[in-house]
Amino acid sequence: MDIISLLIFLAVGALVGWLAGTIVKGTGFGVIGNIIVGIVGAIVGGFVFGLLGITTGGFLGSIIMATIGAVILLVLIGVIKKA
């Protein structure tokens, strides 16, 4: 992975983390928090979409999948914190 790919990966992670944070709690988590939420959300989204047999194509499909995964992650964290 070259430096440009890494920067794009981190920027997409930050965007997805911010989107998920805005959807779930109304604000983001800061730059580092957004990147972490976005990256973990992409993993969760890929896993869930794989289980459901859903495929996404292209850049926009990846962002949608990662955002859904990040929202699932944040909702699960919220449920665990309340318990």
PDB file of N, CA and C in Angstrom:
ATOM      1  N   MET A   1       0.861  -1.175   0.000  1.00  0.00           N
ATOM      2  CA  MET A   1       0.000   0.000   0.000  1.00  0.00           C
ATOM      3  C   MET A   1       0.899   1.227   0.000  1.00  0.00           C
ATOM      4  N   ASP A   2       0.708   2.070  -1.003  1.00  0.00           N
ATOM      5  CA  ASP A   2       1.501   3.288  -1.061  1.00  0.00           C
ATOM      6  C   ASP A   2       0.857   4.384  -0.204  1.00  0.00           C
ATOM      7  N   ILE A   3       1.516   5.506  -0.077  1.00  0.00           N
ATOM      8  CA  ILE A   3       1.079   6.570   0.824  1.00  0.00           C
ATOM      9  C   ILE A   3      -0.258   7.170   0.383  1.00  0.00           C
ATOM     10  N   ILE A   4      -0.492   7.275  -0.910  1.00  0.00           N
ATOM     11  CA  ILE A   4      -1.755   7.836  -1.404  1.00  0.00           C
ATOM     12  C   ILE A   4      -2.911   6.906  -1.038  1.00  0.00           C
ATOM     13  N   SER A   5      -2.739   5.617  -1.219  1.00  0.00           N
ATOM     14  CA  SER A   5      -3.786   4.656  -0.856  1.00  0.00           C
ATOM     15  C   SER A   5      -4.071   4.706   0.639  1.00  0.00           C
ATOM     16  N   LEU A   6      -3.042   4.829   1.443  1.00  0.00           N
ATOM     17  CA  LEU A   6      -3.217   4.925   2.889  1.00  0.00           C
ATOM     18  C   LEU A   6      -3.986   6.188   3.267  1.00  0.00           C
ATOM     19  N   LEU A   7      -3.658   7.305   2.644  1.00  0.00           N
ATOM     20  CA  LEU A   7      -4.370   8.561   2.927  1.00  0.00           C
ATOM     21  C   LEU A   7      -5.836   8.477   2.515  1.00  0.00           C
ATOM     22  N   ILE A   8      -6.117   7.855   1.385  1.00  0.00           N
ATOM     23  CA  ILE A   8      -7.502   7.679   0.940  1.00  0.00           C
ATOM     24  C   ILE A   8      -8.243   6.764   1.904  1.00  0.00           C
ATOM     25  N   PHE A   9      -7.602   5.689   2.341  1.00  0.00           N
ATOM     26  CA  PHE A   9      -8.177   4.751   3.298  1.00  0.00           C
ATOM     27  C   PHE A   9      -8.545   5.467   4.596  1.00  0.00           C
ATOM     28  N   LEU A  10      -7.646   6.293   5.105  1.00  0.00           N
ATOM     29  CA  LEU A  10      -7.907   7.038   6.339  1.00  0.00           C
ATOM     30  C   LEU A  10      -8.984   8.102   6.143  1.00  0.00           C
ATOM     31  N   ALA A  11      -8.983   8.763   4.987  1.00  0.00           N
ATOM     32  CA  ALA A  11      -9.997   9.781   4.719  1.00  0.00           C
ATOM     33  C   ALA A  11     -11.387   9.159   4.620  1.00  0.00           C
ATOM     34  N   VAL A  12     -11.488   8.026   3.964  1.00  0.00           N
ATOM     35  CA  VAL A  12     -12.773   7.333   3.869  1.00  0.00           C
ATOM     36  C   VAL A  12     -13.208   6.849   5.248  1.00  0.00           C
ATOM     37  N   GLY A  13     -12.266   6.335   6.041  1.00  0.00           N
ATOM     38  CA  GLY A  13     -12.587   5.928   7.407  1.00  0.00           C
ATOM     39  C   GLY A  13     -13.116   7.089   8.230  1.00  0.00           C
ATOM     40  N   ALA A  14     -12.493   8.249   8.104  1.00  0.00           N
ATOM     41  CA  ALA A  14     -12.948   9.433   8.834  1.00  0.00           C
ATOM     42  C   ALA A  14     -14.341   9.861   8.373  1.00  0.00           C
ATOM     43  N   LEU A  15     -14.578   9.830   7.066  1.00  0.00           N
ATOM     44  CA  LEU A  15     -15.890  10.200   6.536  1.00  0.00           C
ATOM     45  C   LEU A  15     -16.971   9.246   7.032  1.00  0.00           C
ATOM     46  N   VAL A  16     -16.703   7.964   6.969  1.00  0.00           N
ATOM     47  CA  VAL A  16     -17.676   6.957   7.398  1.00  0.00           C
ATOM     48  C   VAL A  16     -17.925   7.057   8.898  1.00  0.00           C
ATOM     49  N   GLY A  17     -16.871   7.243   9.679  1.00  0.00           N
ATOM     50  CA  GLY A  17     -17.027   7.393  11.122  1.00  0.00           C
ATOM     51  C   GLY A  17     -17.854   8.623  11.472  1.00  0.00           C
ATOM     52  N   TRP A  18     -17.603   9.718  10.763  1.00  0.00           N
ATOM     53  CA  TRP A  18     -18.382  10.935  10.993  1.00  0.00           C
ATOM     54  C   TRP A  18     -19.848  10.729  10.617  1.00  0.00           C
ATOM     55  N   LEU A  19     -20.098  10.092   9.476  1.00  0.00           N
ATOM     56  CA  LEU A  19     -21.476   9.820   9.058  1.00  0.00           C
ATOM     57  C   LEU A  19     -22.209   8.959  10.079  1.00  0.00           C
ATOM     58  N   ALA A  20     -21.567   7.892  10.517  1.00  0.00           N
ATOM     59  CA  ALA A  20     -22.198   6.992  11.492  1.00  0.00           C
ATOM     60  C   ALA A  20     -22.431   7.702  12.817  1.00  0.00           C
ATOM     61  N   GLY A  21     -21.459   8.481  13.265  1.00  0.00           N
ATOM     62  CA  GLY A  21     -21.623   9.229  14.505  1.00  0.00           C
ATOM     63  C   GLY A  21     -22.759  10.221  14.421  1.00  0.00           C
ATOM     64  N   THR A  22     -22.893  10.873  13.281  1.00  0.00           N
ATOM     65  CA  THR A  22     -23.976  11.831  13.077  1.00  0.00           C
ATOM     66  C   THR A  22     -25.326  11.131  13.056  1.00  0.00           C
ATOM     67  N   ILE A  23     -25.395   9.980  12.430  1.00  0.00           N
ATOM     68  CA  ILE A  23     -26.652   9.232  12.371  1.00  0.00           C
ATOM     69  C   ILE A  23     -27.053   8.737  13.751  1.00  0.00           C
ATOM     70  N   VAL A  24     -26.112   8.198  14.519  1.00  0.00           N
ATOM     71  CA  VAL A  24     -26.437   7.550  15.788  1.00  0.00           C
ATOM     72  C   VAL A  24     -26.559   8.552  16.925  1.00  0.00           C
ATOM     73  N   LYS A  25     -25.612   9.475  17.056  1.00  0.00           N
ATOM     74  CA  LYS A  25     -25.630  10.349  18.223  1.00  0.00           C
ATOM     75  C   LYS A  25     -25.675  11.834  17.904  1.00  0.00           C
ATOM     76  N   GLY A  26     -25.657  12.193  16.662  1.00  0.00           N
ATOM     77  CA  GLY A  26     -25.799  13.593  16.279  1.00  0.00           C
ATOM     78  C   GLY A  26     -24.497  14.337  16.051  1.00  0.00           C
ATOM     79  N   THR A  27     -23.365  13.791  16.486  1.00  0.00           N
ATOM     80  CA  THR A  27     -22.061  14.406  16.244  1.00  0.00           C
ATOM     81  C   THR A  27     -21.040  13.318  15.955  1.00  0.00           C
ATOM     82  N   GLY A  28     -19.892  13.746  15.467  1.00  0.00           N
ATOM     83  CA  GLY A  28     -18.808  12.799  15.225  1.00  0.00           C
ATOM     84  C   GLY A  28     -18.033  12.527  16.497  1.00  0.00           C
ATOM     85  N   PHE A  29     -16.888  11.859  16.358  1.00  0.00           N
ATOM     86  CA  PHE A  29     -16.063  11.467  17.500  1.00  0.00           C
ATOM     87  C   PHE A  29     -14.678  12.097  17.459  1.00  0.00           C
ATOM     88  N   GLY A  30     -14.474  13.109  16.664  1.00  0.00           N
ATOM     89  CA  GLY A  30     -13.134  13.656  16.451  1.00  0.00           C
ATOM     90  C   GLY A  30     -12.460  12.883  15.335  1.00  0.00           C
ATOM     91  N   VAL A  31     -11.375  13.404  14.827  1.00  0.00           N
ATOM     92  CA  VAL A  31     -10.734  12.813  13.650  1.00  0.00           C
ATOM     93  C   VAL A  31     -10.279  11.376  13.915  1.00  0.00           C
ATOM     94  N   ILE A  32      -9.547  11.152  14.997  1.00  0.00           N
ATOM     95  CA  ILE A  32      -9.033   9.811  15.283  1.00  0.00           C
ATOM     96  C   ILE A  32     -10.180   8.846  15.583  1.00  0.00           C
ATOM     97  N   GLY A  33     -11.139   9.291  16.380  1.00  0.00           N
ATOM     98  CA  GLY A  33     -12.301   8.451  16.692  1.00  0.00           C
ATOM     99  C   GLY A  33     -13.091   8.098  15.455  1.00  0.00           C
ATOM    100  N   ASN A  34     -13.281   9.072  14.553  1.00  0.00           N
ATOM    101  CA  ASN A  34     -14.004   8.808  13.309  1.00  0.00           C
ATOM    102  C   ASN A  34     -13.277   7.783  12.451  1.00  0.00           C
ATOM    103  N   ILE A  35     -11.958   7.899  12.369  1.00  0.00           N
ATOM    104  CA  ILE A  35     -11.182   6.953  11.567  1.00  0.00           C
ATOM    105  C   ILE A  35     -11.323   5.542  12.136  1.00  0.00           C
ATOM    106  N   ILE A  36     -11.205   5.411  13.456  1.00  0.00           N
ATOM    107  CA  ILE A  36     -11.312   4.088  14.084  1.00  0.00           C
ATOM    108  C   ILE A  36     -12.705   3.507  13.870  1.00  0.00           C
ATOM    109  N   VAL A  37     -13.739   4.319  14.125  1.00  0.00           N
ATOM    110  CA  VAL A  37     -15.120   3.846  13.929  1.00  0.00           C
ATOM    111  C   VAL A  37     -15.344   3.467  12.472  1.00  0.00           C
ATOM    112  N   GLY A  38     -14.832   4.259  11.546  1.00  0.00           N
ATOM    113  CA  GLY A  38     -15.002   3.976  10.123  1.00  0.00           C
ATOM    114  C   GLY A  38     -14.325   2.695   9.690  1.00  0.00           C
ATOM    115  N   ILE A  39     -13.110   2.459  10.157  1.00  0.00           N
ATOM    116  CA  ILE A  39     -12.381   1.245   9.770  1.00  0.00           C
ATOM    117  C   ILE A  39     -13.038   0.006  10.365  1.00  0.00           C
ATOM    118  N   VAL A  40     -13.359   0.052  11.656  1.00  0.00           N
ATOM    119  CA  VAL A  40     -14.024  -1.099  12.288  1.00  0.00           C
ATOM    120  C   VAL A  40     -15.412  -1.291  11.674  1.00  0.00           C
ATOM    121  N   GLY A  41     -16.100  -0.189  11.379  1.00  0.00           N
ATOM    122  CA  GLY A  41     -17.405  -0.281  10.734  1.00  0.00           C
ATOM    123  C   GLY A  41     -17.335  -0.934   9.368  1.00  0.00           C
ATOM    124  N   ALA A  42     -16.267  -0.667   8.625  1.00  0.00           N
ATOM    125  CA  ALA A  42     -16.095  -1.305   7.316  1.00  0.00           C
ATOM    126  C   ALA A  42     -15.938  -2.812   7.472  1.00  0.00           C
ATOM    127  N   ILE A  43     -15.224  -3.226   8.505  1.00  0.00           N
ATOM    128  CA  ILE A  43     -15.053  -4.660   8.755  1.00  0.00           C
ATOM    129  C   ILE A  43     -16.394  -5.290   9.128  1.00  0.00           C
ATOM    130  N   VAL A  44     -17.124  -4.640  10.040  1.00  0.00           N
ATOM    131  CA  VAL A  44     -18.444  -5.150  10.449  1.00  0.00           C
ATOM    132  C   VAL A  44     -19.392  -5.184   9.254  1.00  0.00           C
ATOM    133  N   GLY A  45     -19.416  -4.107   8.476  1.00  0.00           N
ATOM    134  CA  GLY A  45     -20.290  -4.047   7.305  1.00  0.00           C
ATOM    135  C   GLY A  45     -19.968  -5.127   6.290  1.00  0.00           C
ATOM    136  N   GLY A  46     -18.676  -5.354   6.032  1.00  0.00           N
ATOM    137  CA  GLY A  46     -18.277  -6.412   5.110  1.00  0.00           C
ATOM    138  C   GLY A  46     -18.711  -7.781   5.602  1.00  0.00           C
ATOM    139  N   PHE A  47     -18.590  -8.011   6.909  1.00  0.00           N
ATOM    140  CA  PHE A  47     -19.005  -9.281   7.493  1.00  0.00           C
ATOM    141  C   PHE A  47     -20.514  -9.478   7.371  1.00  0.00           C
ATOM    142  N   VAL A  48     -21.279  -8.458   7.750  1.00  0.00           N
ATOM    143  CA  VAL A  48     -22.748  -8.554   7.713  1.00  0.00           C
ATOM    144  C   VAL A  48     -23.245  -8.698   6.275  1.00  0.00           C
ATOM    145  N   PHE A  49     -22.708  -7.889   5.371  1.00  0.00           N
ATOM    146  CA  PHE A  49     -23.136  -7.976   3.976  1.00  0.00           C
ATOM    147  C   PHE A  49     -22.775  -9.340   3.394  1.00  0.00           C
ATOM    148  N   GLY A  50     -21.622  -9.889   3.783  1.00  0.00           N
ATOM    149  CA  GLY A  50     -21.230 -11.221   3.325  1.00  0.00           C
ATOM    150  C   GLY A  50     -22.182 -12.294   3.818  1.00  0.00           C
ATOM    151  N   LEU A  51     -22.595 -12.187   5.090  1.00  0.00           N
ATOM    152  CA  LEU A  51     -23.553 -13.153   5.629  1.00  0.00           C
ATOM    153  C   LEU A  51     -24.889 -13.099   4.900  1.00  0.00           C
ATOM    154  N   LEU A  52     -25.287 -11.894   4.519  1.00  0.00           N
ATOM    155  CA  LEU A  52     -26.573 -11.713   3.843  1.00  0.00           C
ATOM    156  C   LEU A  52     -26.487 -11.941   2.336  1.00  0.00           C
ATOM    157  N   GLY A  53     -25.274 -12.149   1.826  1.00  0.00           N
ATOM    158  CA  GLY A  53     -25.097 -12.381   0.396  1.00  0.00           C
ATOM    159  C   GLY A  53     -25.245 -11.124  -0.444  1.00  0.00           C
ATOM    160  N   ILE A  54     -25.027  -9.964   0.168  1.00  0.00           N
ATOM    161  CA  ILE A  54     -25.148  -8.691  -0.540  1.00  0.00           C
ATOM    162  C   ILE A  54     -23.762  -8.263  -0.996  1.00  0.00           C
ATOM    163  N   THR A  55     -23.654  -7.867  -2.239  1.00  0.00           N
ATOM    164  CA  THR A  55     -22.391  -7.352  -2.749  1.00  0.00           C
ATOM    165  C   THR A  55     -22.550  -5.883  -3.091  1.00  0.00           C
ATOM    166  N   THR A  56     -21.496  -5.133  -2.880  1.00  0.00           N
ATOM    167  CA  THR A  56     -21.499  -3.723  -3.251  1.00  0.00           C
ATOM    168  C   THR A  56     -20.405  -3.511  -4.267  1.00  0.00           C
ATOM    169  N   GLY A  57     -20.624  -2.566  -5.126  1.00  0.00           N
ATOM    170  CA  GLY A  57     -19.633  -2.280  -6.139  1.00  0.00           C
ATOM    171  C   GLY A  57     -19.241  -0.822  -6.116  1.00  0.00           C
ATOM    172  N   GLY A  58     -17.997  -0.563  -6.366  1.00  0.00           N
ATOM    173  CA  GLY A  58     -17.522   0.796  -6.492  1.00  0.00           C
ATOM    174  C   GLY A  58     -17.299   1.505  -5.168  1.00  0.00           C
ATOM    175  N   PHE A  59     -16.878   2.728  -5.309  1.00  0.00           N
ATOM    176  CA  PHE A  59     -16.526   3.555  -4.164  1.00  0.00           C
ATOM    177  C   PHE A  59     -17.750   3.895  -3.309  1.00  0.00           C
ATOM    178  N   LEU A  60     -18.834   4.291  -3.946  1.00  0.00           N
ATOM    179  CA  LEU A  60     -20.050   4.653  -3.206  1.00  0.00           C
ATOM    180  C   LEU A  60     -20.628   3.448  -2.474  1.00  0.00           C
ATOM    181  N   GLY A  61     -20.630   2.288  -3.100  1.00  0.00           N
ATOM    182  CA  GLY A  61     -21.107   1.073  -2.452  1.00  0.00           C
ATOM    183  C   GLY A  61     -20.290   0.730  -1.223  1.00  0.00           C
ATOM    184  N   SER A  62     -18.977   0.936  -1.309  1.00  0.00           N
ATOM    185  CA  SER A  62     -18.105   0.676  -0.158  1.00  0.00           C
ATOM    186  C   SER A  62     -18.402   1.636   0.986  1.00  0.00           C
ATOM    187  N   ILE A  63     -18.650   2.894   0.668  1.00  0.00           N
ATOM    188  CA  ILE A  63     -18.969   3.876   1.709  1.00  0.00           C
ATOM    189  C   ILE A  63     -20.295   3.536   2.367  1.00  0.00           C
ATOM    190  N   ILE A  64     -21.285   3.144   1.574  1.00  0.00           N
ATOM    191  CA  ILE A  64     -22.588   2.774   2.135  1.00  0.00           C
ATOM    192  C   ILE A  64     -22.451   1.552   3.035  1.00  0.00           C
ATOM    193  N   MET A  65     -21.732   0.538   2.581  1.00  0.00           N
ATOM    194  CA  MET A  65     -21.537  -0.673   3.373  1.00  0.00           C
ATOM    195  C   MET A  65     -20.803  -0.361   4.676  1.00  0.00           C
ATOM    196  N   ALA A  66     -19.751   0.429   4.609  1.00  0.00           N
ATOM    197  CA  ALA A  66     -18.990   0.770   5.805  1.00  0.00           C
ATOM    198  C   ALA A  66     -19.818   1.620   6.767  1.00  0.00           C
ATOM    199  N   THR A  67     -20.633   2.517   6.236  1.00  0.00           N
ATOM    200  CA  THR A  67     -21.480   3.351   7.094  1.00  0.00           C
ATOM    201  C   THR A  67     -22.507   2.492   7.822  1.00  0.00           C
ATOM    202  N   ILE A  68     -23.131   1.580   7.116  1.00  0.00           N
ATOM    203  CA  ILE A  68     -24.101   0.683   7.760  1.00  0.00           C
ATOM    204  C   ILE A  68     -23.405  -0.152   8.831  1.00  0.00           C
ATOM    205  N   GLY A  69     -22.224  -0.654   8.535  1.00  0.00           N
ATOM    206  CA  GLY A  69     -21.468  -1.418   9.518  1.00  0.00           C
ATOM    207  C   GLY A  69     -21.104  -0.581  10.738  1.00  0.00           C
ATOM    208  N   ALA A  70     -20.720   0.675  10.516  1.00  0.00           N
ATOM    209  CA  ALA A  70     -20.360   1.552  11.630  1.00  0.00           C
ATOM    210  C   ALA A  70     -21.582   1.893  12.477  1.00  0.00           C
ATOM    211  N   VAL A  71     -22.727   2.080  11.840  1.00  0.00           N
ATOM    212  CA  VAL A  71     -23.961   2.336  12.601  1.00  0.00           C
ATOM    213  C   VAL A  71     -24.302   1.116  13.452  1.00  0.00           C
ATOM    214  N   ILE A  72     -24.197  -0.072  12.878  1.00  0.00           N
ATOM    215  CA  ILE A  72     -24.441  -1.301  13.646  1.00  0.00           C
ATOM    216  C   ILE A  72     -23.484  -1.371  14.829  1.00  0.00           C
ATOM    217  N   LEU A  73     -22.214  -1.069  14.589  1.00  0.00           N
ATOM    218  CA  LEU A  73     -21.213  -1.083  15.651  1.00  0.00           C
ATOM    219  C   LEU A  73     -21.578  -0.112  16.772  1.00  0.00           C
ATOM    220  N   LEU A  74     -21.951   1.113  16.430  1.00  0.00           N
ATOM    221  CA  LEU A  74     -22.269   2.107  17.444  1.00  0.00           C
ATOM    222  C   LEU A  74     -23.536   1.759  18.215  1.00  0.00           C
ATOM    223  N   VAL A  75     -24.519   1.198  17.532  1.00  0.00           N
ATOM    224  CA  VAL A  75     -25.746   0.771  18.223  1.00  0.00           C
ATOM    225  C   VAL A  75     -25.425  -0.362  19.203  1.00  0.00           C
ATOM    226  N   LEU A  76     -24.619  -1.329  18.770  1.00  0.00           N
ATOM    227  CA  LEU A  76     -24.236  -2.430  19.656  1.00  0.00           C
ATOM    228  C   LEU A  76     -23.447  -1.924  20.867  1.00  0.00           C
ATOM    229  N   ILE A  77     -22.544  -0.998  20.653  1.00  0.00           N
ATOM    230  CA  ILE A  77     -21.780  -0.417  21.764  1.00  0.00           C
ATOM    231  C   ILE A  77     -22.738   0.290  22.728  1.00  0.00           C
ATOM    232  N   GLY A  78     -23.716   1.030  22.191  1.00  0.00           N
ATOM    233  CA  GLY A  78     -24.681   1.707  23.032  1.00  0.00           C
ATOM    234  C   GLY A  78     -25.509   0.739  23.860  1.00  0.00           C
ATOM    235  N   VAL A  79     -25.907  -0.381  23.266  1.00  0.00           N
ATOM    236  CA  VAL A  79     -26.686  -1.390  23.996  1.00  0.00           C
ATOM    237  C   VAL A  79     -25.837  -2.028  25.092  1.00  0.00           C
ATOM    238  N   ILE A  80     -24.589  -2.315  24.791  1.00  0.00           N
ATOM    239  CA  ILE A  80     -23.704  -2.932  25.780  1.00  0.00           C
ATOM    240  C   ILE A  80     -23.433  -1.962  26.937  1.00  0.00           C
ATOM    241  N   LYS A  81     -23.257  -0.671  26.633  1.00  0.00           N
ATOM    242  CA  LYS A  81     -23.001   0.302  27.689  1.00  0.00           C
ATOM    243  C   LYS A  81     -24.199   0.472  28.612  1.00  0.00           C
ATOM    244  N   LYS A  82     -25.413   0.322  28.086  1.00  0.00           N
ATOM    245  CA  LYS A  82     -26.620   0.467  28.900  1.00  0.00           C
ATOM    246  C   LYS A  82     -26.856  -0.740  29.791  1.00  0.00           C
ATOM    247  N   ALA A  83     -26.340  -1.889  29.399  1.00  0.00           N
ATOM    248  CA  ALA A  83     -26.570  -3.126  30.163  1.00  0.00           C
ATOM    249  C   ALA A  83     -25.739  -3.188  31.424  1.00  0.00           C
TER     250      ALA A  83
END
